[in-house]
Amino acid sequence: QYAAGLVVSYARGNLVPRFVNAGSW
């Protein structure tokens, strides 16, 4: 659960939009 929470924090404002497909895993 700690790791899952860290990923949420790490991803905030840190994703490359052109490589992200909305609704994808």
PDB file of all heavy atoms in Angstrom:
ATOM      1  N   GLN A   1       0.823  -1.219   0.000  1.00  0.00           N
ATOM      2  CA  GLN A   1       0.000   0.000   0.000  1.00  0.00           C
ATOM      3  C   GLN A   1       0.853   1.265   0.000  1.00  0.00           C
ATOM      4  O   GLN A   1       0.495   2.260  -0.621  1.00  0.00           O
ATOM      5  CB  GLN A   1      -0.954  -0.010   1.200  1.00  0.00           C
ATOM      6  CG  GLN A   1      -2.024  -1.076   1.097  1.00  0.00           C
ATOM      7  CD  GLN A   1      -2.845  -0.946  -0.176  1.00  0.00           C
ATOM      8  OE1 GLN A   1      -3.347   0.122  -0.495  1.00  0.00           O
ATOM      9  NE2 GLN A   1      -2.944  -2.027  -0.928  1.00  0.00           N
ATOM     10  N   TYR A   2       1.967   1.230   0.695  1.00  0.00           N
ATOM     11  CA  TYR A   2       2.893   2.367   0.706  1.00  0.00           C
ATOM     12  C   TYR A   2       3.394   2.631  -0.709  1.00  0.00           C
ATOM     13  O   TYR A   2       3.406   3.781  -1.173  1.00  0.00           O
ATOM     14  CB  TYR A   2       4.053   2.066   1.662  1.00  0.00           C
ATOM     15  CG  TYR A   2       5.073   3.168   1.770  1.00  0.00           C
ATOM     16  CD1 TYR A   2       4.724   4.415   2.277  1.00  0.00           C
ATOM     17  CD2 TYR A   2       6.388   2.960   1.406  1.00  0.00           C
ATOM     18  CE1 TYR A   2       5.663   5.425   2.401  1.00  0.00           C
ATOM     19  CE2 TYR A   2       7.332   3.959   1.524  1.00  0.00           C
ATOM     20  CZ  TYR A   2       6.971   5.192   2.022  1.00  0.00           C
ATOM     21  OH  TYR A   2       7.908   6.185   2.139  1.00  0.00           O
ATOM     22  N   ALA A   3       3.795   1.578  -1.414  1.00  0.00           N
ATOM     23  CA  ALA A   3       4.284   1.722  -2.783  1.00  0.00           C
ATOM     24  C   ALA A   3       3.194   2.282  -3.700  1.00  0.00           C
ATOM     25  O   ALA A   3       3.459   3.163  -4.529  1.00  0.00           O
ATOM     26  CB  ALA A   3       4.784   0.377  -3.310  1.00  0.00           C
ATOM     27  N   ALA A   4       1.975   1.801  -3.550  1.00  0.00           N
ATOM     28  CA  ALA A   4       0.868   2.301  -4.376  1.00  0.00           C
ATOM     29  C   ALA A   4       0.647   3.792  -4.133  1.00  0.00           C
ATOM     30  O   ALA A   4       0.418   4.560  -5.075  1.00  0.00           O
ATOM     31  CB  ALA A   4      -0.409   1.515  -4.084  1.00  0.00           C
ATOM     32  N   GLY A   5       0.735   4.218  -2.885  1.00  0.00           N
ATOM     33  CA  GLY A   5       0.590   5.641  -2.567  1.00  0.00           C
ATOM     34  C   GLY A   5       1.728   6.472  -3.125  1.00  0.00           C
ATOM     35  O   GLY A   5       1.519   7.591  -3.622  1.00  0.00           O
ATOM     36  N   LEU A   6       2.936   5.937  -3.066  1.00  0.00           N
ATOM     37  CA  LEU A   6       4.080   6.662  -3.636  1.00  0.00           C
ATOM     38  C   LEU A   6       3.910   6.873  -5.141  1.00  0.00           C
ATOM     39  O   LEU A   6       4.233   7.941  -5.661  1.00  0.00           O
ATOM     40  CB  LEU A   6       5.385   5.906  -3.367  1.00  0.00           C
ATOM     41  CG  LEU A   6       5.944   5.985  -1.963  1.00  0.00           C
ATOM     42  CD1 LEU A   6       7.197   5.123  -1.849  1.00  0.00           C
ATOM     43  CD2 LEU A   6       6.254   7.424  -1.576  1.00  0.00           C
ATOM     44  N   VAL A   7       3.408   5.863  -5.818  1.00  0.00           N
ATOM     45  CA  VAL A   7       3.217   5.981  -7.269  1.00  0.00           C
ATOM     46  C   VAL A   7       2.250   7.118  -7.586  1.00  0.00           C
ATOM     47  O   VAL A   7       2.477   7.885  -8.529  1.00  0.00           O
ATOM     48  CB  VAL A   7       2.740   4.644  -7.876  1.00  0.00           C
ATOM     49  CG1 VAL A   7       2.258   4.824  -9.307  1.00  0.00           C
ATOM     50  CG2 VAL A   7       3.859   3.619  -7.816  1.00  0.00           C
ATOM     51  N   VAL A   8       1.191   7.258  -6.813  1.00  0.00           N
ATOM     52  CA  VAL A   8       0.252   8.362  -7.024  1.00  0.00           C
ATOM     53  C   VAL A   8       0.984   9.691  -6.879  1.00  0.00           C
ATOM     54  O   VAL A   8       0.841  10.589  -7.716  1.00  0.00           O
ATOM     55  CB  VAL A   8      -0.945   8.284  -6.048  1.00  0.00           C
ATOM     56  CG1 VAL A   8      -1.823   9.515  -6.167  1.00  0.00           C
ATOM     57  CG2 VAL A   8      -1.757   7.025  -6.302  1.00  0.00           C
ATOM     58  N   SER A   9       1.794   9.815  -5.848  1.00  0.00           N
ATOM     59  CA  SER A   9       2.556  11.054  -5.635  1.00  0.00           C
ATOM     60  C   SER A   9       3.566  11.283  -6.755  1.00  0.00           C
ATOM     61  O   SER A   9       3.708  12.400  -7.247  1.00  0.00           O
ATOM     62  CB  SER A   9       3.298  10.997  -4.301  1.00  0.00           C
ATOM     63  OG  SER A   9       2.398  10.940  -3.240  1.00  0.00           O
ATOM     64  N   TYR A  10       4.281  10.232  -7.123  1.00  0.00           N
ATOM     65  CA  TYR A  10       5.296  10.356  -8.177  1.00  0.00           C
ATOM     66  C   TYR A  10       4.688  10.781  -9.511  1.00  0.00           C
ATOM     67  O   TYR A  10       5.316  11.498 -10.287  1.00  0.00           O
ATOM     68  CB  TYR A  10       6.007   9.026  -8.394  1.00  0.00           C
ATOM     69  CG  TYR A  10       6.977   8.600  -7.326  1.00  0.00           C
ATOM     70  CD1 TYR A  10       7.388   7.270  -7.256  1.00  0.00           C
ATOM     71  CD2 TYR A  10       7.514   9.489  -6.400  1.00  0.00           C
ATOM     72  CE1 TYR A  10       8.294   6.845  -6.301  1.00  0.00           C
ATOM     73  CE2 TYR A  10       8.420   9.070  -5.440  1.00  0.00           C
ATOM     74  CZ  TYR A  10       8.811   7.752  -5.400  1.00  0.00           C
ATOM     75  OH  TYR A  10       9.716   7.325  -4.464  1.00  0.00           O
ATOM     76  N   ALA A  11       3.478  10.317  -9.797  1.00  0.00           N
ATOM     77  CA  ALA A  11       2.853  10.585 -11.093  1.00  0.00           C
ATOM     78  C   ALA A  11       2.269  11.991 -11.191  1.00  0.00           C
ATOM     79  O   ALA A  11       2.126  12.523 -12.295  1.00  0.00           O
ATOM     80  CB  ALA A  11       1.760   9.554 -11.361  1.00  0.00           C
ATOM     81  N   ARG A  12       1.964  12.602 -10.058  1.00  0.00           N
ATOM     82  CA  ARG A  12       1.320  13.927 -10.057  1.00  0.00           C
ATOM     83  C   ARG A  12       2.204  14.952 -10.771  1.00  0.00           C
ATOM     84  O   ARG A  12       3.277  15.304 -10.318  1.00  0.00           O
ATOM     85  CB  ARG A  12       1.036  14.365  -8.622  1.00  0.00           C
ATOM     86  CG  ARG A  12       0.100  15.548  -8.539  1.00  0.00           C
ATOM     87  CD  ARG A  12      -0.311  15.836  -7.098  1.00  0.00           C
ATOM     88  NE  ARG A  12      -1.093  14.721  -6.564  1.00  0.00           N
ATOM     89  CZ  ARG A  12      -0.781  14.060  -5.454  1.00  0.00           C
ATOM     90  NH1 ARG A  12       0.262  14.381  -4.738  1.00  0.00           N
ATOM     91  NH2 ARG A  12      -1.547  13.077  -5.047  1.00  0.00           N
ATOM     92  N   GLY A  13       1.745  15.411 -11.944  1.00  0.00           N
ATOM     93  CA  GLY A  13       2.472  16.409 -12.721  1.00  0.00           C
ATOM     94  C   GLY A  13       3.770  15.897 -13.330  1.00  0.00           C
ATOM     95  O   GLY A  13       4.589  16.692 -13.790  1.00  0.00           O
ATOM     96  N   ASN A  14       3.962  14.584 -13.357  1.00  0.00           N
ATOM     97  CA  ASN A  14       5.226  14.019 -13.818  1.00  0.00           C
ATOM     98  C   ASN A  14       5.046  12.989 -14.932  1.00  0.00           C
ATOM     99  O   ASN A  14       5.884  12.132 -15.121  1.00  0.00           O
ATOM    100  CB  ASN A  14       5.962  13.374 -12.624  1.00  0.00           C
ATOM    101  CG  ASN A  14       7.372  12.956 -12.961  1.00  0.00           C
ATOM    102  OD1 ASN A  14       8.001  13.515 -13.853  1.00  0.00           O
ATOM    103  ND2 ASN A  14       7.874  11.961 -12.254  1.00  0.00           N
ATOM    104  N   LEU A  15       3.936  13.067 -15.662  1.00  0.00           N
ATOM    105  CA  LEU A  15       3.709  12.139 -16.769  1.00  0.00           C
ATOM    106  C   LEU A  15       3.834  12.878 -18.091  1.00  0.00           C
ATOM    107  O   LEU A  15       3.493  14.052 -18.195  1.00  0.00           O
ATOM    108  CB  LEU A  15       2.323  11.487 -16.662  1.00  0.00           C
ATOM    109  CG  LEU A  15       2.065  10.655 -15.412  1.00  0.00           C
ATOM    110  CD1 LEU A  15       0.654  10.093 -15.436  1.00  0.00           C
ATOM    111  CD2 LEU A  15       3.086   9.540 -15.258  1.00  0.00           C
ATOM    112  N   VAL A  16       4.321  12.179 -19.100  1.00  0.00           N
ATOM    113  CA  VAL A  16       4.435  12.759 -20.442  1.00  0.00           C
ATOM    114  C   VAL A  16       3.101  12.543 -21.148  1.00  0.00           C
ATOM    115  O   VAL A  16       2.774  11.415 -21.532  1.00  0.00           O
ATOM    116  CB  VAL A  16       5.584  12.103 -21.232  1.00  0.00           C
ATOM    117  CG1 VAL A  16       5.712  12.737 -22.608  1.00  0.00           C
ATOM    118  CG2 VAL A  16       6.894  12.186 -20.464  1.00  0.00           C
ATOM    119  N   PRO A  17       2.302  13.617 -21.305  1.00  0.00           N
ATOM    120  CA  PRO A  17       0.937  13.457 -21.846  1.00  0.00           C
ATOM    121  C   PRO A  17       0.871  12.761 -23.199  1.00  0.00           C
ATOM    122  O   PRO A  17      -0.046  11.979 -23.440  1.00  0.00           O
ATOM    123  CB  PRO A  17       0.422  14.891 -21.952  1.00  0.00           C
ATOM    124  CG  PRO A  17       1.249  15.667 -20.993  1.00  0.00           C
ATOM    125  CD  PRO A  17       2.590  14.993 -20.953  1.00  0.00           C
ATOM    126  N   ARG A  18       1.817  13.013 -24.071  1.00  0.00           N
ATOM    127  CA  ARG A  18       1.724  12.409 -25.415  1.00  0.00           C
ATOM    128  C   ARG A  18       1.935  10.897 -25.396  1.00  0.00           C
ATOM    129  O   ARG A  18       1.621  10.213 -26.359  1.00  0.00           O
ATOM    130  CB  ARG A  18       2.667  13.099 -26.383  1.00  0.00           C
ATOM    131  CG  ARG A  18       4.123  12.836 -26.148  1.00  0.00           C
ATOM    132  CD  ARG A  18       4.972  13.488 -27.260  1.00  0.00           C
ATOM    133  NE  ARG A  18       6.357  13.206 -27.073  1.00  0.00           N
ATOM    134  CZ  ARG A  18       7.215  14.005 -26.457  1.00  0.00           C
ATOM    135  NH1 ARG A  18       6.797  15.157 -25.971  1.00  0.00           N
ATOM    136  NH2 ARG A  18       8.469  13.662 -26.339  1.00  0.00           N
ATOM    137  N   PHE A  19       2.477  10.371 -24.299  1.00  0.00           N
ATOM    138  CA  PHE A  19       2.681   8.931 -24.187  1.00  0.00           C
ATOM    139  C   PHE A  19       1.643   8.255 -23.300  1.00  0.00           C
ATOM    140  O   PHE A  19       1.742   7.071 -23.022  1.00  0.00           O
ATOM    141  CB  PHE A  19       4.081   8.625 -23.653  1.00  0.00           C
ATOM    142  CG  PHE A  19       5.175   9.045 -24.580  1.00  0.00           C
ATOM    143  CD1 PHE A  19       6.207   9.846 -24.127  1.00  0.00           C
ATOM    144  CD2 PHE A  19       5.176   8.667 -25.916  1.00  0.00           C
ATOM    145  CE1 PHE A  19       7.218  10.247 -24.974  1.00  0.00           C
ATOM    146  CE2 PHE A  19       6.184   9.061 -26.776  1.00  0.00           C
ATOM    147  CZ  PHE A  19       7.206   9.859 -26.299  1.00  0.00           C
ATOM    148  N   VAL A  20       0.662   9.018 -22.845  1.00  0.00           N
ATOM    149  CA  VAL A  20      -0.371   8.473 -21.964  1.00  0.00           C
ATOM    150  C   VAL A  20      -1.669   8.320 -22.744  1.00  0.00           C
ATOM    151  O   VAL A  20      -2.152   9.271 -23.341  1.00  0.00           O
ATOM    152  CB  VAL A  20      -0.598   9.397 -20.744  1.00  0.00           C
ATOM    153  CG1 VAL A  20      -1.759   8.885 -19.912  1.00  0.00           C
ATOM    154  CG2 VAL A  20       0.663   9.487 -19.904  1.00  0.00           C
ATOM    155  N   ASN A  21      -2.214   7.120 -22.735  1.00  0.00           N
ATOM    156  CA  ASN A  21      -3.524   6.874 -23.325  1.00  0.00           C
ATOM    157  C   ASN A  21      -4.543   6.870 -22.195  1.00  0.00           C
ATOM    158  O   ASN A  21      -4.465   6.038 -21.300  1.00  0.00           O
ATOM    159  CB  ASN A  21      -3.563   5.533 -24.062  1.00  0.00           C
ATOM    160  CG  ASN A  21      -2.676   5.534 -25.282  1.00  0.00           C
ATOM    161  OD1 ASN A  21      -2.579   6.528 -25.985  1.00  0.00           O
ATOM    162  ND2 ASN A  21      -2.000   4.419 -25.518  1.00  0.00           N
ATOM    163  N   ALA A  22      -5.476   7.808 -22.255  1.00  0.00           N
ATOM    164  CA  ALA A  22      -6.490   7.909 -21.207  1.00  0.00           C
ATOM    165  C   ALA A  22      -7.268   6.600 -21.096  1.00  0.00           C
ATOM    166  O   ALA A  22      -7.606   5.977 -22.098  1.00  0.00           O
ATOM    167  CB  ALA A  22      -7.441   9.058 -21.516  1.00  0.00           C
ATOM    168  N   GLY A  23      -7.532   6.199 -19.883  1.00  0.00           N
ATOM    169  CA  GLY A  23      -8.277   4.971 -19.640  1.00  0.00           C
ATOM    170  C   GLY A  23      -7.434   3.724 -19.780  1.00  0.00           C
ATOM    171  O   GLY A  23      -7.966   2.619 -19.825  1.00  0.00           O
ATOM    172  N   SER A  24      -6.121   3.872 -19.823  1.00  0.00           N
ATOM    173  CA  SER A  24      -5.232   2.717 -19.982  1.00  0.00           C
ATOM    174  C   SER A  24      -4.504   2.404 -18.686  1.00  0.00           C
ATOM    175  O   SER A  24      -4.306   3.267 -17.838  1.00  0.00           O
ATOM    176  CB  SER A  24      -4.193   2.995 -21.080  1.00  0.00           C
ATOM    177  OG  SER A  24      -4.817   3.108 -22.327  1.00  0.00           O
ATOM    178  N   TRP A  25      -4.092   1.148 -18.585  1.00  0.00           N
ATOM    179  CA  TRP A  25      -3.330   0.677 -17.440  1.00  0.00           C
ATOM    180  C   TRP A  25      -1.850   0.660 -17.783  1.00  0.00           C
ATOM    181  O   TRP A  25      -1.463   0.329 -18.908  1.00  0.00           O
ATOM    182  CB  TRP A  25      -3.764  -0.729 -17.052  1.00  0.00           C
ATOM    183  CG  TRP A  25      -5.093  -0.774 -16.381  1.00  0.00           C
ATOM    184  CD1 TRP A  25      -6.319  -0.922 -16.986  1.00  0.00           C
ATOM    185  CD2 TRP A  25      -5.344  -0.656 -14.986  1.00  0.00           C
ATOM    186  NE1 TRP A  25      -7.311  -0.897 -16.031  1.00  0.00           N
ATOM    187  CE2 TRP A  25      -6.735  -0.742 -14.793  1.00  0.00           C
ATOM    188  CE3 TRP A  25      -4.524  -0.495 -13.866  1.00  0.00           C
ATOM    189  CZ2 TRP A  25      -7.330  -0.675 -13.537  1.00  0.00           C
ATOM    190  CZ3 TRP A  25      -5.112  -0.423 -12.609  1.00  0.00           C
ATOM    191  CH2 TRP A  25      -6.494  -0.518 -12.456  1.00  0.00           C
TER     192      TRP A  25
END
